[in-house]
Amino acid sequence: MAGYYDIVLGLVPVALLGITAALTVVGVSLTSAVPIGAFVALGIIGHSMFVNSPVDQRDESGPSHTPARAD
C-alpha cells in the first residue's frame, strides 16, 4: 500500500506537468503555465515537509531515554 510520502513523490511531477499542460490547452501561455504548475508542486512539497512532517517513530518496546538528573 502506498504511504503518504509515496503519493507526494508521485504528485509532484503530475502537478508540474499536468497543470502546465492543462493550462496550456486552456490558452494560458507556456511562460505563465510553468510557474503556476511549479508553484502547486512547491505547495505539495511544502505541505509534506512542514505541515505533515516526517518524524522518527520511537520503538515503544525499547528503553526510554530519560535525561540524567544532576542532583
N, C-alpha and C. Protein backbone atom coordinates (compact mmCIF):
# COMPACT_ATOMS: atom_id res chain seq x y z
N MET A 1 0.83 -1.17 0.00
CA MET A 1 0.00 0.00 0.00
C MET A 1 0.89 1.25 0.00
N ALA A 2 0.52 2.20 -0.77
CA ALA A 2 1.31 3.42 -0.88
C ALA A 2 1.06 4.31 0.33
N GLY A 3 2.15 4.83 0.88
CA GLY A 3 2.06 5.74 2.01
C GLY A 3 1.92 7.18 1.54
N TYR A 4 1.82 8.08 2.50
CA TYR A 4 1.64 9.49 2.20
C TYR A 4 2.79 10.04 1.36
N TYR A 5 4.02 9.71 1.72
CA TYR A 5 5.17 10.27 1.01
C TYR A 5 5.36 9.63 -0.36
N ASP A 6 4.89 8.41 -0.56
CA ASP A 6 4.88 7.83 -1.90
C ASP A 6 3.93 8.60 -2.81
N ILE A 7 2.79 8.96 -2.26
CA ILE A 7 1.81 9.74 -3.03
C ILE A 7 2.35 11.12 -3.34
N VAL A 8 3.03 11.73 -2.38
CA VAL A 8 3.63 13.06 -2.60
C VAL A 8 4.65 12.99 -3.72
N LEU A 9 5.50 11.97 -3.69
CA LEU A 9 6.52 11.84 -4.75
C LEU A 9 5.89 11.64 -6.12
N GLY A 10 4.73 11.02 -6.17
CA GLY A 10 4.03 10.87 -7.45
C GLY A 10 3.31 12.13 -7.87
N LEU A 11 2.81 12.89 -6.90
CA LEU A 11 2.05 14.09 -7.24
C LEU A 11 2.90 15.25 -7.72
N VAL A 12 4.15 15.30 -7.31
CA VAL A 12 5.00 16.44 -7.70
C VAL A 12 5.14 16.53 -9.22
N PRO A 13 5.58 15.47 -9.93
CA PRO A 13 5.66 15.62 -11.39
C PRO A 13 4.29 15.70 -12.06
N VAL A 14 3.29 15.04 -11.47
CA VAL A 14 1.94 15.12 -12.04
C VAL A 14 1.43 16.55 -11.97
N ALA A 15 1.66 17.21 -10.83
CA ALA A 15 1.23 18.59 -10.69
C ALA A 15 1.99 19.51 -11.64
N LEU A 16 3.30 19.32 -11.70
CA LEU A 16 4.11 20.20 -12.55
C LEU A 16 3.75 20.03 -14.02
N LEU A 17 3.72 18.80 -14.49
CA LEU A 17 3.44 18.56 -15.91
C LEU A 17 1.96 18.66 -16.24
N GLY A 18 1.12 18.10 -15.37
CA GLY A 18 -0.31 18.08 -15.65
C GLY A 18 -0.94 19.45 -15.64
N ILE A 19 -0.64 20.23 -14.63
CA ILE A 19 -1.21 21.58 -14.55
C ILE A 19 -0.65 22.46 -15.67
N THR A 20 0.63 22.31 -15.96
CA THR A 20 1.21 23.07 -17.07
C THR A 20 0.53 22.72 -18.38
N ALA A 21 0.33 21.43 -18.63
CA ALA A 21 -0.33 21.00 -19.87
C ALA A 21 -1.78 21.47 -19.92
N ALA A 22 -2.48 21.34 -18.80
CA ALA A 22 -3.89 21.75 -18.78
C ALA A 22 -4.04 23.25 -19.01
N LEU A 23 -3.19 24.04 -18.38
CA LEU A 23 -3.27 25.48 -18.58
C LEU A 23 -2.89 25.88 -20.01
N THR A 24 -1.94 25.15 -20.59
CA THR A 24 -1.55 25.44 -21.98
C THR A 24 -2.70 25.12 -22.92
N VAL A 25 -3.41 24.02 -22.68
CA VAL A 25 -4.55 23.65 -23.53
C VAL A 25 -5.67 24.68 -23.41
N VAL A 26 -5.87 25.19 -22.20
CA VAL A 26 -6.92 26.18 -21.98
C VAL A 26 -6.60 27.50 -22.67
N GLY A 27 -5.32 27.79 -22.88
CA GLY A 27 -4.96 29.01 -23.59
C GLY A 27 -3.98 29.89 -22.85
N VAL A 28 -3.53 29.47 -21.69
CA VAL A 28 -2.54 30.24 -20.95
C VAL A 28 -1.18 30.02 -21.62
N SER A 29 -0.39 31.06 -21.71
CA SER A 29 0.91 30.92 -22.36
C SER A 29 1.81 30.00 -21.55
N LEU A 30 2.74 29.37 -22.23
CA LEU A 30 3.64 28.42 -21.58
C LEU A 30 4.51 29.09 -20.52
N THR A 31 4.89 30.34 -20.77
CA THR A 31 5.72 31.05 -19.80
C THR A 31 4.95 31.40 -18.53
N SER A 32 3.64 31.39 -18.59
CA SER A 32 2.84 31.59 -17.38
C SER A 32 2.41 30.27 -16.77
N ALA A 33 2.21 29.24 -17.59
CA ALA A 33 1.72 27.96 -17.10
C ALA A 33 2.78 27.21 -16.30
N VAL A 34 4.03 27.30 -16.70
CA VAL A 34 5.09 26.57 -15.99
C VAL A 34 5.26 27.07 -14.56
N PRO A 35 5.34 28.39 -14.31
CA PRO A 35 5.46 28.83 -12.92
C PRO A 35 4.23 28.49 -12.07
N ILE A 36 3.05 28.49 -12.65
CA ILE A 36 1.85 28.11 -11.89
C ILE A 36 1.92 26.64 -11.50
N GLY A 37 2.30 25.78 -12.43
CA GLY A 37 2.46 24.37 -12.13
C GLY A 37 3.56 24.13 -11.10
N ALA A 38 4.64 24.89 -11.22
CA ALA A 38 5.74 24.75 -10.26
C ALA A 38 5.32 25.23 -8.87
N PHE A 39 4.50 26.26 -8.81
CA PHE A 39 4.02 26.76 -7.52
C PHE A 39 3.14 25.73 -6.82
N VAL A 40 2.31 25.03 -7.58
CA VAL A 40 1.47 23.98 -7.00
C VAL A 40 2.34 22.82 -6.52
N ALA A 41 3.35 22.43 -7.33
CA ALA A 41 4.26 21.37 -6.90
C ALA A 41 5.03 21.79 -5.65
N LEU A 42 5.42 23.04 -5.57
CA LEU A 42 6.10 23.55 -4.39
C LEU A 42 5.18 23.52 -3.18
N GLY A 43 3.92 23.80 -3.37
CA GLY A 43 2.95 23.72 -2.28
C GLY A 43 2.80 22.31 -1.75
N ILE A 44 2.80 21.33 -2.64
CA ILE A 44 2.72 19.93 -2.23
C ILE A 44 3.96 19.54 -1.43
N ILE A 45 5.12 19.95 -1.90
CA ILE A 45 6.36 19.65 -1.19
C ILE A 45 6.38 20.35 0.17
N GLY A 46 5.97 21.60 0.20
CA GLY A 46 5.94 22.34 1.46
C GLY A 46 4.98 21.72 2.46
N HIS A 47 3.84 21.25 1.99
CA HIS A 47 2.90 20.59 2.89
C HIS A 47 3.50 19.33 3.48
N SER A 48 4.19 18.56 2.65
CA SER A 48 4.76 17.30 3.15
C SER A 48 5.95 17.54 4.08
N MET A 49 6.61 18.67 3.95
CA MET A 49 7.77 18.95 4.80
C MET A 49 7.40 19.64 6.11
N PHE A 50 6.44 20.56 6.06
CA PHE A 50 6.20 21.40 7.22
C PHE A 50 4.86 21.14 7.91
N VAL A 51 3.82 20.81 7.17
CA VAL A 51 2.52 20.56 7.78
C VAL A 51 2.42 19.12 8.26
N ASN A 52 2.79 18.20 7.40
CA ASN A 52 2.75 16.78 7.74
C ASN A 52 4.18 16.24 7.69
N SER A 53 5.01 16.76 8.58
CA SER A 53 6.44 16.47 8.51
C SER A 53 6.75 15.04 8.91
N PRO A 54 7.81 14.49 8.31
CA PRO A 54 8.20 13.14 8.69
C PRO A 54 8.86 13.16 10.07
N VAL A 55 8.49 12.23 10.89
CA VAL A 55 9.08 12.11 12.23
C VAL A 55 9.53 10.68 12.43
N ASP A 56 10.57 10.53 13.23
CA ASP A 56 11.02 9.19 13.59
C ASP A 56 10.06 8.62 14.62
N GLN A 57 9.64 7.40 14.38
CA GLN A 57 8.76 6.76 15.35
C GLN A 57 9.62 6.04 16.37
N ARG A 58 9.35 6.30 17.62
CA ARG A 58 10.12 5.69 18.70
C ARG A 58 9.63 4.26 18.91
N ASP A 59 10.55 3.38 19.11
CA ASP A 59 10.21 1.99 19.39
C ASP A 59 9.74 1.91 20.83
N GLU A 60 8.49 1.55 21.04
CA GLU A 60 7.91 1.53 22.38
C GLU A 60 8.47 0.39 23.24
N SER A 61 9.00 -0.66 22.61
CA SER A 61 9.48 -1.78 23.40
C SER A 61 10.90 -1.56 23.93
N GLY A 62 11.62 -0.62 23.37
CA GLY A 62 13.00 -0.36 23.79
C GLY A 62 13.07 0.53 25.00
N PRO A 63 14.27 0.75 25.49
CA PRO A 63 14.43 1.61 26.68
C PRO A 63 14.14 3.06 26.33
N SER A 64 13.55 3.75 27.27
CA SER A 64 13.27 5.16 27.04
C SER A 64 14.47 5.99 27.45
N HIS A 65 14.65 7.09 26.78
CA HIS A 65 15.76 7.99 27.10
C HIS A 65 15.24 9.05 28.06
N THR A 66 15.57 8.88 29.29
CA THR A 66 15.22 9.91 30.27
C THR A 66 16.49 10.67 30.59
N PRO A 67 16.38 11.97 30.69
CA PRO A 67 17.58 12.75 30.97
C PRO A 67 18.13 12.44 32.36
N ALA A 68 19.43 12.44 32.48
CA ALA A 68 20.08 12.18 33.77
C ALA A 68 19.90 13.38 34.67
N ARG A 69 19.65 13.11 35.92
CA ARG A 69 19.49 14.20 36.89
C ARG A 69 20.86 14.59 37.43
N ALA A 70 21.10 15.84 37.57
CA ALA A 70 22.40 16.34 38.02
C ALA A 70 22.37 16.68 39.50
N ASP A 71 21.50 16.04 40.26
CA ASP A 71 21.40 16.33 41.69
C ASP A 71 22.52 15.70 42.45
